[in-house]
N, C-alpha and C. Protein backbone atom coordinates (compact mmCIF):
# COMPACT_ATOMS: atom_id res chain seq x y z
N UNK A 1 214.12 -228.33 1.35
CA UNK A 1 213.71 -229.00 0.11
C UNK A 1 214.53 -230.27 -0.10
N UNK A 2 215.84 -230.18 0.10
CA UNK A 2 216.73 -231.33 -0.07
C UNK A 2 216.39 -232.43 0.93
N UNK A 3 216.08 -232.02 2.15
CA UNK A 3 215.72 -232.99 3.19
C UNK A 3 214.45 -233.75 2.81
N UNK A 4 213.47 -233.05 2.27
CA UNK A 4 212.23 -233.70 1.84
C UNK A 4 212.49 -234.66 0.69
N UNK A 5 213.35 -234.28 -0.23
CA UNK A 5 213.69 -235.16 -1.34
C UNK A 5 214.38 -236.43 -0.83
N UNK A 6 215.30 -236.27 0.10
CA UNK A 6 215.98 -237.43 0.68
C UNK A 6 214.98 -238.36 1.37
N UNK A 7 214.05 -237.78 2.12
CA UNK A 7 213.05 -238.60 2.80
C UNK A 7 212.17 -239.33 1.79
N UNK A 8 211.81 -238.65 0.74
CA UNK A 8 210.98 -239.25 -0.29
C UNK A 8 211.71 -240.43 -0.94
N UNK A 9 212.98 -240.26 -1.23
CA UNK A 9 213.77 -241.33 -1.83
C UNK A 9 213.89 -242.52 -0.89
N UNK A 10 214.09 -242.25 0.39
CA UNK A 10 214.20 -243.33 1.37
C UNK A 10 212.88 -244.09 1.48
N UNK A 11 211.77 -243.38 1.50
CA UNK A 11 210.47 -244.04 1.58
C UNK A 11 210.20 -244.88 0.34
N UNK A 12 210.56 -244.37 -0.83
CA UNK A 12 210.38 -245.13 -2.06
C UNK A 12 211.22 -246.40 -2.03
N UNK A 13 212.46 -246.29 -1.58
CA UNK A 13 213.35 -247.45 -1.49
C UNK A 13 212.78 -248.50 -0.53
N UNK A 14 212.29 -248.04 0.62
CA UNK A 14 211.72 -248.98 1.59
C UNK A 14 210.46 -249.64 1.03
N UNK A 15 209.63 -248.88 0.32
CA UNK A 15 208.42 -249.44 -0.27
C UNK A 15 208.76 -250.49 -1.31
N UNK A 16 209.76 -250.22 -2.15
CA UNK A 16 210.17 -251.19 -3.16
C UNK A 16 210.70 -252.47 -2.51
N UNK A 17 211.45 -252.34 -1.43
CA UNK A 17 211.96 -253.52 -0.72
C UNK A 17 210.82 -254.33 -0.14
N UNK A 18 209.83 -253.67 0.44
CA UNK A 18 208.67 -254.38 1.00
C UNK A 18 207.93 -255.14 -0.10
N UNK A 19 207.77 -254.51 -1.25
CA UNK A 19 207.08 -255.16 -2.37
C UNK A 19 207.85 -256.40 -2.81
N UNK A 20 209.17 -256.28 -2.90
CA UNK A 20 209.99 -257.43 -3.31
C UNK A 20 209.87 -258.56 -2.29
N UNK A 21 209.88 -258.21 -1.00
CA UNK A 21 209.76 -259.23 0.03
C UNK A 21 208.42 -259.95 -0.07
N UNK A 22 207.35 -259.20 -0.28
CA UNK A 22 206.03 -259.80 -0.40
C UNK A 22 205.93 -260.68 -1.64
N UNK A 23 206.53 -260.23 -2.75
CA UNK A 23 206.52 -261.04 -3.96
C UNK A 23 207.29 -262.34 -3.74
N UNK A 24 208.42 -262.26 -3.04
CA UNK A 24 209.20 -263.47 -2.75
C UNK A 24 208.41 -264.43 -1.87
N UNK A 25 207.70 -263.90 -0.88
CA UNK A 25 206.88 -264.74 -0.02
C UNK A 25 205.78 -265.41 -0.84
N UNK A 26 205.17 -264.66 -1.73
CA UNK A 26 204.11 -265.19 -2.58
C UNK A 26 204.66 -266.32 -3.45
N UNK A 27 205.83 -266.11 -4.03
CA UNK A 27 206.45 -267.14 -4.87
C UNK A 27 206.76 -268.40 -4.05
N UNK A 28 207.27 -268.20 -2.83
CA UNK A 28 207.59 -269.34 -1.97
C UNK A 28 206.33 -270.13 -1.62
N UNK A 29 205.25 -269.42 -1.33
CA UNK A 29 203.99 -270.09 -0.99
C UNK A 29 203.47 -270.88 -2.18
N UNK A 30 203.56 -270.31 -3.38
CA UNK A 30 203.11 -271.01 -4.57
C UNK A 30 203.94 -272.27 -4.79
N UNK A 31 205.24 -272.20 -4.57
CA UNK A 31 206.10 -273.37 -4.74
C UNK A 31 205.76 -274.45 -3.72
N UNK A 32 205.47 -274.03 -2.48
CA UNK A 32 205.11 -275.00 -1.44
C UNK A 32 203.79 -275.68 -1.76
N UNK A 33 202.88 -274.95 -2.36
CA UNK A 33 201.58 -275.52 -2.70
C UNK A 33 201.62 -276.31 -4.00
N UNK A 34 202.76 -276.32 -4.65
CA UNK A 34 202.90 -277.08 -5.88
C UNK A 34 202.33 -276.40 -7.10
N UNK A 35 202.06 -275.11 -6.99
CA UNK A 35 201.52 -274.37 -8.12
C UNK A 35 202.68 -273.79 -8.92
N UNK A 36 202.79 -274.15 -10.18
CA UNK A 36 203.84 -273.54 -10.99
C UNK A 36 203.59 -272.05 -11.19
N UNK A 37 204.66 -271.30 -11.28
CA UNK A 37 204.53 -269.86 -11.43
C UNK A 37 203.98 -269.51 -12.81
N UNK A 38 203.17 -268.48 -12.85
CA UNK A 38 202.67 -267.98 -14.12
C UNK A 38 201.55 -268.80 -14.73
N UNK A 39 200.99 -269.75 -14.01
CA UNK A 39 199.89 -270.54 -14.56
C UNK A 39 198.61 -270.16 -13.86
N UNK A 40 197.52 -270.58 -14.43
CA UNK A 40 196.23 -270.28 -13.84
C UNK A 40 195.76 -268.91 -14.27
N UNK A 41 194.68 -268.50 -13.66
CA UNK A 41 194.11 -267.20 -14.02
C UNK A 41 194.84 -266.11 -13.27
N UNK A 42 195.17 -265.02 -13.95
CA UNK A 42 195.81 -263.92 -13.24
C UNK A 42 194.83 -263.27 -12.28
N UNK A 43 195.31 -262.93 -11.12
CA UNK A 43 194.44 -262.28 -10.16
C UNK A 43 194.30 -260.81 -10.52
N UNK A 44 193.30 -260.18 -9.95
CA UNK A 44 193.08 -258.76 -10.23
C UNK A 44 194.23 -257.93 -9.69
N UNK A 45 194.91 -258.41 -8.65
CA UNK A 45 196.05 -257.68 -8.09
C UNK A 45 197.20 -257.60 -9.08
N UNK A 46 197.39 -258.64 -9.89
CA UNK A 46 198.47 -258.63 -10.87
C UNK A 46 198.30 -257.47 -11.84
N UNK A 47 197.10 -257.25 -12.32
CA UNK A 47 196.84 -256.17 -13.25
C UNK A 47 197.07 -254.81 -12.60
N UNK A 48 196.67 -254.67 -11.36
CA UNK A 48 196.84 -253.41 -10.65
C UNK A 48 198.32 -253.14 -10.44
N UNK A 49 199.08 -254.15 -10.04
CA UNK A 49 200.50 -253.98 -9.80
C UNK A 49 201.23 -253.52 -11.05
N UNK A 50 200.90 -254.10 -12.19
CA UNK A 50 201.57 -253.74 -13.43
C UNK A 50 201.31 -252.29 -13.78
N UNK A 51 200.07 -251.84 -13.67
CA UNK A 51 199.77 -250.45 -14.02
C UNK A 51 200.39 -249.49 -13.02
N UNK A 52 200.43 -249.88 -11.74
CA UNK A 52 201.04 -249.04 -10.72
C UNK A 52 202.53 -248.91 -10.96
N UNK A 53 203.19 -250.01 -11.29
CA UNK A 53 204.63 -249.98 -11.54
C UNK A 53 204.94 -249.04 -12.70
N UNK A 54 204.17 -249.12 -13.77
CA UNK A 54 204.41 -248.25 -14.92
C UNK A 54 204.25 -246.79 -14.53
N UNK A 55 203.23 -246.48 -13.72
CA UNK A 55 202.99 -245.11 -13.31
C UNK A 55 204.12 -244.62 -12.41
N UNK A 56 204.54 -245.45 -11.46
CA UNK A 56 205.61 -245.04 -10.55
C UNK A 56 206.92 -244.86 -11.30
N UNK A 57 207.24 -245.77 -12.18
CA UNK A 57 208.48 -245.65 -12.94
C UNK A 57 208.46 -244.38 -13.76
N UNK A 58 207.32 -244.10 -14.37
CA UNK A 58 207.21 -242.89 -15.18
C UNK A 58 207.41 -241.65 -14.35
N UNK A 59 206.78 -241.60 -13.19
CA UNK A 59 206.90 -240.45 -12.31
C UNK A 59 208.32 -240.26 -11.84
N UNK A 60 208.93 -241.32 -11.33
CA UNK A 60 210.29 -241.21 -10.81
C UNK A 60 211.30 -240.99 -11.92
N UNK A 61 211.05 -241.56 -13.07
CA UNK A 61 211.94 -241.31 -14.21
C UNK A 61 211.89 -239.85 -14.61
N UNK A 62 210.70 -239.31 -14.65
CA UNK A 62 210.58 -237.88 -15.00
C UNK A 62 211.21 -237.02 -13.94
N UNK A 63 211.02 -237.39 -12.68
CA UNK A 63 211.54 -236.59 -11.59
C UNK A 63 213.06 -236.55 -11.59
N UNK A 64 213.67 -237.70 -11.84
CA UNK A 64 215.13 -237.78 -11.80
C UNK A 64 215.75 -237.82 -13.19
N UNK A 65 214.91 -237.69 -14.23
CA UNK A 65 215.34 -237.64 -15.61
C UNK A 65 216.22 -238.82 -15.99
N UNK A 66 215.75 -240.01 -15.65
CA UNK A 66 216.49 -241.24 -15.98
C UNK A 66 215.78 -241.96 -17.08
């Protein structure tokens, strides 16, 4: 059981790092294209990411009681 929990935590950590890397790449591309951040129409992915983050935080917060 402990081993599975450790693996789950490692996978979550790696997934969060990948998301941060992709967000940084996206920000860099926007800067190169001369698009200011936070302007224009929000993409459908932005809405999905926000709801997913809330769900994941809620789940992990409940799991680890933080």
